[in-house]
Amino acid sequence: MTLSPLSVTTVAGVTVGTFPAEADASNASAIRDQLLHLIGAGTGPLVLDLTATEFCDCACVGAILRAGREAAVRRTRICLALPPAGPVRRIAAMTGLDRHLPVTTSVAGAGRTLGAVPG
């Protein structure tokens, strides 16, 4: 039995995928697969919540970018919720991730960006 790296909830019509504290090469492929499954299942608007993630490497960034491309193909709206400062925010800026997907500092902000207001 494989554990899912993302905790998935639905709030106000928005699917929220909460990332683990560490998102790196050890779990990036499972994260990518889980995101692609959610997008393929037609779950609707999707928030990727990294607000409590303390470490994110290039493998995880690649998984997020791949999910973003699939979301665009399937016309699924997607938004990142990132901490306002710290390593995850810096890696998003350094890799250009924050230029490929909309970014807010909270799940509620991401929900507003996607047209809903999750709590």
N, C-alpha and C. Protein backbone atom coordinates (compact mmCIF):
# COMPACT_ATOMS: atom_id res chain seq x y z
N MET A 1 0.84 -1.17 0.00
CA MET A 1 0.00 0.00 0.00
C MET A 1 0.89 1.24 0.00
N THR A 2 0.66 2.15 -0.97
CA THR A 2 1.43 3.37 -1.07
C THR A 2 0.63 4.51 -0.45
N LEU A 3 1.26 5.26 0.41
CA LEU A 3 0.60 6.42 1.00
C LEU A 3 0.62 7.58 0.03
N SER A 4 -0.47 8.31 -0.05
CA SER A 4 -0.53 9.49 -0.90
C SER A 4 0.21 10.63 -0.22
N PRO A 5 1.10 11.30 -0.95
CA PRO A 5 1.86 12.38 -0.33
C PRO A 5 1.02 13.62 -0.06
N LEU A 6 -0.04 13.82 -0.83
CA LEU A 6 -0.88 15.00 -0.65
C LEU A 6 -2.10 14.65 0.18
N SER A 7 -2.47 15.56 1.05
CA SER A 7 -3.75 15.46 1.75
C SER A 7 -4.74 16.24 0.90
N VAL A 8 -5.82 15.61 0.47
CA VAL A 8 -6.76 16.24 -0.45
C VAL A 8 -8.10 16.47 0.23
N THR A 9 -8.58 17.70 0.16
CA THR A 9 -9.89 18.06 0.68
C THR A 9 -10.62 18.90 -0.36
N THR A 10 -11.90 19.06 -0.19
CA THR A 10 -12.68 19.94 -1.05
C THR A 10 -13.39 20.95 -0.16
N VAL A 11 -13.19 22.22 -0.50
CA VAL A 11 -13.79 23.30 0.28
C VAL A 11 -14.42 24.28 -0.70
N ALA A 12 -15.70 24.54 -0.54
CA ALA A 12 -16.43 25.50 -1.37
C ALA A 12 -16.22 25.25 -2.86
N GLY A 13 -16.25 23.97 -3.26
CA GLY A 13 -16.12 23.63 -4.66
C GLY A 13 -14.71 23.65 -5.21
N VAL A 14 -13.73 23.86 -4.35
CA VAL A 14 -12.33 23.89 -4.76
C VAL A 14 -11.61 22.71 -4.13
N THR A 15 -10.87 21.97 -4.94
CA THR A 15 -10.05 20.87 -4.42
C THR A 15 -8.74 21.45 -3.93
N VAL A 16 -8.37 21.11 -2.71
CA VAL A 16 -7.12 21.59 -2.11
C VAL A 16 -6.20 20.40 -1.89
N GLY A 17 -5.04 20.44 -2.53
CA GLY A 17 -4.01 19.42 -2.33
C GLY A 17 -2.94 20.01 -1.43
N THR A 18 -2.89 19.55 -0.19
CA THR A 18 -1.92 20.07 0.78
C THR A 18 -0.65 19.23 0.71
N PHE A 19 0.45 19.91 0.43
CA PHE A 19 1.74 19.24 0.27
C PHE A 19 2.34 18.88 1.62
N PRO A 20 3.21 17.86 1.64
CA PRO A 20 3.89 17.49 2.89
C PRO A 20 4.94 18.53 3.27
N ALA A 21 5.49 18.42 4.46
CA ALA A 21 6.52 19.35 4.94
C ALA A 21 7.73 19.36 4.02
N GLU A 22 8.07 18.20 3.47
CA GLU A 22 9.18 18.11 2.53
C GLU A 22 8.69 17.50 1.23
N ALA A 23 8.88 18.24 0.15
CA ALA A 23 8.50 17.77 -1.18
C ALA A 23 9.78 17.76 -2.01
N ASP A 24 10.28 16.56 -2.26
CA ASP A 24 11.58 16.45 -2.93
C ASP A 24 11.62 15.21 -3.81
N ALA A 25 12.81 14.84 -4.24
CA ALA A 25 12.95 13.70 -5.15
C ALA A 25 12.38 12.41 -4.58
N SER A 26 12.31 12.31 -3.27
CA SER A 26 11.80 11.07 -2.66
C SER A 26 10.29 10.90 -2.84
N ASN A 27 9.57 11.99 -3.06
CA ASN A 27 8.11 11.87 -3.21
C ASN A 27 7.55 12.64 -4.40
N ALA A 28 8.42 13.26 -5.21
CA ALA A 28 7.96 14.10 -6.32
C ALA A 28 7.16 13.31 -7.36
N SER A 29 7.59 12.10 -7.69
CA SER A 29 6.84 11.34 -8.70
C SER A 29 5.46 10.95 -8.18
N ALA A 30 5.35 10.63 -6.90
CA ALA A 30 4.04 10.32 -6.32
C ALA A 30 3.16 11.57 -6.27
N ILE A 31 3.76 12.72 -5.97
CA ILE A 31 3.02 13.98 -5.98
C ILE A 31 2.51 14.25 -7.39
N ARG A 32 3.40 14.13 -8.39
CA ARG A 32 3.01 14.35 -9.79
C ARG A 32 1.86 13.43 -10.18
N ASP A 33 2.00 12.15 -9.87
CA ASP A 33 0.95 11.19 -10.24
C ASP A 33 -0.38 11.52 -9.57
N GLN A 34 -0.32 11.92 -8.31
CA GLN A 34 -1.55 12.26 -7.60
C GLN A 34 -2.19 13.51 -8.19
N LEU A 35 -1.38 14.52 -8.52
CA LEU A 35 -1.91 15.73 -9.14
C LEU A 35 -2.52 15.43 -10.50
N LEU A 36 -1.83 14.64 -11.31
CA LEU A 36 -2.36 14.29 -12.63
C LEU A 36 -3.66 13.50 -12.51
N HIS A 37 -3.76 12.65 -11.51
CA HIS A 37 -5.00 11.90 -11.27
C HIS A 37 -6.14 12.87 -10.91
N LEU A 38 -5.87 13.81 -10.02
CA LEU A 38 -6.90 14.78 -9.63
C LEU A 38 -7.37 15.59 -10.84
N ILE A 39 -6.42 16.05 -11.63
CA ILE A 39 -6.77 16.85 -12.81
C ILE A 39 -7.53 15.99 -13.82
N GLY A 40 -7.07 14.78 -14.05
CA GLY A 40 -7.72 13.88 -14.99
C GLY A 40 -9.12 13.47 -14.56
N ALA A 41 -9.35 13.45 -13.26
CA ALA A 41 -10.67 13.07 -12.73
C ALA A 41 -11.67 14.21 -12.84
N GLY A 42 -11.21 15.38 -13.28
CA GLY A 42 -12.12 16.52 -13.44
C GLY A 42 -12.61 17.08 -12.12
N THR A 43 -11.71 17.20 -11.16
CA THR A 43 -12.10 17.66 -9.83
C THR A 43 -12.45 19.14 -9.78
N GLY A 44 -12.24 19.87 -10.85
CA GLY A 44 -12.54 21.30 -10.84
C GLY A 44 -11.35 22.11 -10.39
N PRO A 45 -11.57 23.37 -9.99
CA PRO A 45 -10.46 24.23 -9.58
C PRO A 45 -9.60 23.55 -8.52
N LEU A 46 -8.29 23.76 -8.63
CA LEU A 46 -7.34 23.06 -7.77
C LEU A 46 -6.36 24.04 -7.13
N VAL A 47 -6.27 24.00 -5.82
CA VAL A 47 -5.29 24.77 -5.06
C VAL A 47 -4.19 23.83 -4.62
N LEU A 48 -2.95 24.19 -4.92
CA LEU A 48 -1.80 23.44 -4.43
C LEU A 48 -1.28 24.19 -3.22
N ASP A 49 -1.52 23.65 -2.05
CA ASP A 49 -1.21 24.33 -0.79
C ASP A 49 0.18 23.92 -0.28
N LEU A 50 1.13 24.83 -0.44
CA LEU A 50 2.48 24.61 0.06
C LEU A 50 2.79 25.54 1.23
N THR A 51 1.76 26.09 1.86
CA THR A 51 1.99 27.07 2.92
C THR A 51 2.71 26.50 4.13
N ALA A 52 2.60 25.19 4.35
CA ALA A 52 3.29 24.57 5.49
C ALA A 52 4.49 23.73 5.03
N THR A 53 4.80 23.80 3.75
CA THR A 53 5.93 23.04 3.21
C THR A 53 7.22 23.79 3.54
N GLU A 54 8.15 23.08 4.12
CA GLU A 54 9.42 23.70 4.54
C GLU A 54 10.53 23.52 3.53
N PHE A 55 10.41 22.50 2.66
CA PHE A 55 11.45 22.24 1.67
C PHE A 55 10.81 21.74 0.39
N CYS A 56 11.26 22.28 -0.72
CA CYS A 56 10.76 21.90 -2.03
C CYS A 56 11.95 21.95 -2.99
N ASP A 57 12.25 20.85 -3.66
CA ASP A 57 13.39 20.87 -4.58
C ASP A 57 12.93 20.89 -6.03
N CYS A 58 13.90 20.84 -6.95
CA CYS A 58 13.57 20.95 -8.37
C CYS A 58 12.70 19.80 -8.86
N ALA A 59 12.80 18.63 -8.25
CA ALA A 59 11.94 17.51 -8.65
C ALA A 59 10.48 17.83 -8.36
N CYS A 60 10.23 18.46 -7.24
CA CYS A 60 8.86 18.85 -6.89
C CYS A 60 8.38 19.98 -7.81
N VAL A 61 9.26 20.94 -8.08
CA VAL A 61 8.90 22.02 -9.01
C VAL A 61 8.51 21.42 -10.36
N GLY A 62 9.28 20.44 -10.82
CA GLY A 62 8.95 19.78 -12.08
C GLY A 62 7.59 19.10 -12.04
N ALA A 63 7.26 18.48 -10.92
CA ALA A 63 5.96 17.83 -10.76
C ALA A 63 4.83 18.86 -10.83
N ILE A 64 5.04 20.01 -10.20
CA ILE A 64 4.03 21.07 -10.21
C ILE A 64 3.87 21.64 -11.62
N LEU A 65 4.99 21.87 -12.31
CA LEU A 65 4.92 22.40 -13.68
C LEU A 65 4.22 21.41 -14.61
N ARG A 66 4.50 20.13 -14.44
CA ARG A 66 3.83 19.10 -15.26
C ARG A 66 2.33 19.13 -15.01
N ALA A 67 1.95 19.24 -13.75
CA ALA A 67 0.52 19.33 -13.40
C ALA A 67 -0.09 20.59 -13.99
N GLY A 68 0.65 21.69 -13.96
CA GLY A 68 0.16 22.94 -14.54
C GLY A 68 -0.09 22.81 -16.04
N ARG A 69 0.81 22.13 -16.75
CA ARG A 69 0.61 21.92 -18.19
C ARG A 69 -0.62 21.06 -18.45
N GLU A 70 -0.79 20.00 -17.67
CA GLU A 70 -1.96 19.13 -17.83
C GLU A 70 -3.24 19.89 -17.50
N ALA A 71 -3.19 20.72 -16.48
CA ALA A 71 -4.37 21.52 -16.11
C ALA A 71 -4.74 22.47 -17.25
N ALA A 72 -3.74 23.05 -17.90
CA ALA A 72 -4.02 23.96 -19.02
C ALA A 72 -4.69 23.21 -20.18
N VAL A 73 -4.19 22.02 -20.48
CA VAL A 73 -4.77 21.21 -21.55
C VAL A 73 -6.22 20.87 -21.24
N ARG A 74 -6.49 20.54 -19.99
CA ARG A 74 -7.85 20.14 -19.59
C ARG A 74 -8.71 21.31 -19.13
N ARG A 75 -8.16 22.51 -19.25
CA ARG A 75 -8.88 23.74 -18.84
C ARG A 75 -9.31 23.70 -17.38
N THR A 76 -8.42 23.18 -16.55
CA THR A 76 -8.63 23.15 -15.11
C THR A 76 -7.89 24.32 -14.50
N ARG A 77 -8.59 25.14 -13.74
CA ARG A 77 -7.93 26.28 -13.09
C ARG A 77 -7.13 25.78 -11.90
N ILE A 78 -5.91 26.32 -11.77
CA ILE A 78 -4.99 25.87 -10.73
C ILE A 78 -4.29 27.09 -10.15
N CYS A 79 -4.02 27.06 -8.86
CA CYS A 79 -3.36 28.17 -8.18
C CYS A 79 -2.49 27.62 -7.06
N LEU A 80 -1.37 28.28 -6.82
CA LEU A 80 -0.47 27.90 -5.73
C LEU A 80 -0.71 28.77 -4.52
N ALA A 81 -0.73 28.16 -3.35
CA ALA A 81 -0.71 28.90 -2.08
C ALA A 81 0.67 28.65 -1.49
N LEU A 82 1.49 29.71 -1.46
CA LEU A 82 2.86 29.61 -0.98
C LEU A 82 3.04 30.46 0.26
N PRO A 83 4.00 30.10 1.12
CA PRO A 83 4.28 30.96 2.26
C PRO A 83 4.78 32.32 1.75
N PRO A 84 4.56 33.40 2.51
CA PRO A 84 4.97 34.73 2.05
C PRO A 84 6.48 34.90 1.95
N ALA A 85 7.23 34.09 2.66
CA ALA A 85 8.70 34.18 2.63
C ALA A 85 9.26 32.80 2.95
N GLY A 86 10.55 32.64 2.77
CA GLY A 86 11.20 31.39 3.13
C GLY A 86 11.66 30.61 1.92
N PRO A 87 12.18 29.41 2.16
CA PRO A 87 12.79 28.63 1.09
C PRO A 87 11.85 28.25 -0.05
N VAL A 88 10.61 27.91 0.27
CA VAL A 88 9.68 27.50 -0.79
C VAL A 88 9.34 28.68 -1.68
N ARG A 89 9.14 29.84 -1.10
CA ARG A 89 8.87 31.05 -1.89
C ARG A 89 10.08 31.38 -2.76
N ARG A 90 11.28 31.25 -2.20
CA ARG A 90 12.50 31.56 -2.97
C ARG A 90 12.68 30.59 -4.13
N ILE A 91 12.44 29.31 -3.91
CA ILE A 91 12.61 28.34 -5.00
C ILE A 91 11.58 28.59 -6.10
N ALA A 92 10.38 29.01 -5.73
CA ALA A 92 9.36 29.33 -6.73
C ALA A 92 9.81 30.52 -7.58
N ALA A 93 10.42 31.51 -6.95
CA ALA A 93 10.92 32.68 -7.69
C ALA A 93 12.13 32.32 -8.54
N MET A 94 13.06 31.56 -7.98
CA MET A 94 14.29 31.20 -8.70
C MET A 94 14.02 30.33 -9.92
N THR A 95 13.04 29.46 -9.83
CA THR A 95 12.74 28.54 -10.93
C THR A 95 11.72 29.09 -11.92
N GLY A 96 11.08 30.21 -11.58
CA GLY A 96 10.06 30.77 -12.44
C GLY A 96 8.69 30.15 -12.23
N LEU A 97 8.57 29.28 -11.26
CA LEU A 97 7.28 28.65 -10.98
C LEU A 97 6.20 29.69 -10.74
N ASP A 98 6.57 30.77 -10.06
CA ASP A 98 5.60 31.82 -9.75
C ASP A 98 5.21 32.64 -10.97
N ARG A 99 5.86 32.42 -12.10
CA ARG A 99 5.47 33.09 -13.35
C ARG A 99 4.60 32.18 -14.22
N HIS A 100 4.59 30.89 -13.91
CA HIS A 100 3.81 29.94 -14.70
C HIS A 100 2.42 29.70 -14.14
N LEU A 101 2.27 29.86 -12.84
CA LEU A 101 0.99 29.63 -12.19
C LEU A 101 0.67 30.79 -11.26
N PRO A 102 -0.62 31.11 -11.09
CA PRO A 102 -0.98 32.15 -10.13
C PRO A 102 -0.57 31.75 -8.72
N VAL A 103 -0.12 32.74 -7.94
CA VAL A 103 0.37 32.49 -6.59
C VAL A 103 -0.31 33.42 -5.61
N THR A 104 -0.72 32.87 -4.46
CA THR A 104 -1.20 33.66 -3.33
C THR A 104 -0.50 33.16 -2.08
N THR A 105 -0.78 33.80 -0.95
CA THR A 105 -0.13 33.39 0.30
C THR A 105 -1.04 32.57 1.21
N SER A 106 -2.24 32.22 0.72
CA SER A 106 -3.16 31.44 1.56
C SER A 106 -4.10 30.63 0.68
N VAL A 107 -4.68 29.61 1.25
CA VAL A 107 -5.67 28.81 0.54
C VAL A 107 -6.89 29.67 0.22
N ALA A 108 -7.30 30.50 1.16
CA ALA A 108 -8.45 31.38 0.92
C ALA A 108 -8.17 32.33 -0.24
N GLY A 109 -6.96 32.88 -0.28
CA GLY A 109 -6.58 33.76 -1.39
C GLY A 109 -6.58 33.02 -2.71
N ALA A 110 -6.11 31.79 -2.70
CA ALA A 110 -6.12 30.98 -3.92
C ALA A 110 -7.55 30.69 -4.35
N GLY A 111 -8.42 30.42 -3.38
CA GLY A 111 -9.82 30.19 -3.69
C GLY A 111 -10.45 31.41 -4.34
N ARG A 112 -10.13 32.59 -3.84
CA ARG A 112 -10.64 33.82 -4.45
C ARG A 112 -10.10 33.97 -5.87
N THR A 113 -8.83 33.66 -6.07
CA THR A 113 -8.24 33.73 -7.41
C THR A 113 -8.96 32.79 -8.36
N LEU A 114 -9.40 31.65 -7.86
CA LEU A 114 -10.09 30.66 -8.69
C LEU A 114 -11.60 30.88 -8.75
N GLY A 115 -12.09 31.91 -8.07
CA GLY A 115 -13.51 32.22 -8.12
C GLY A 115 -14.35 31.60 -7.03
N ALA A 116 -13.71 31.09 -5.98
CA ALA A 116 -14.41 30.52 -4.82
C ALA A 116 -13.68 31.00 -3.58
N VAL A 117 -14.26 30.79 -2.44
CA VAL A 117 -13.60 31.23 -1.21
C VAL A 117 -13.54 30.09 -0.22
N PRO A 118 -12.51 29.20 -0.35
CA PRO A 118 -12.39 28.15 0.66
C PRO A 118 -11.96 28.73 1.99
N GLY A 119 -12.40 28.07 3.07
CA GLY A 119 -12.10 28.54 4.42
C GLY A 119 -10.75 28.21 4.78
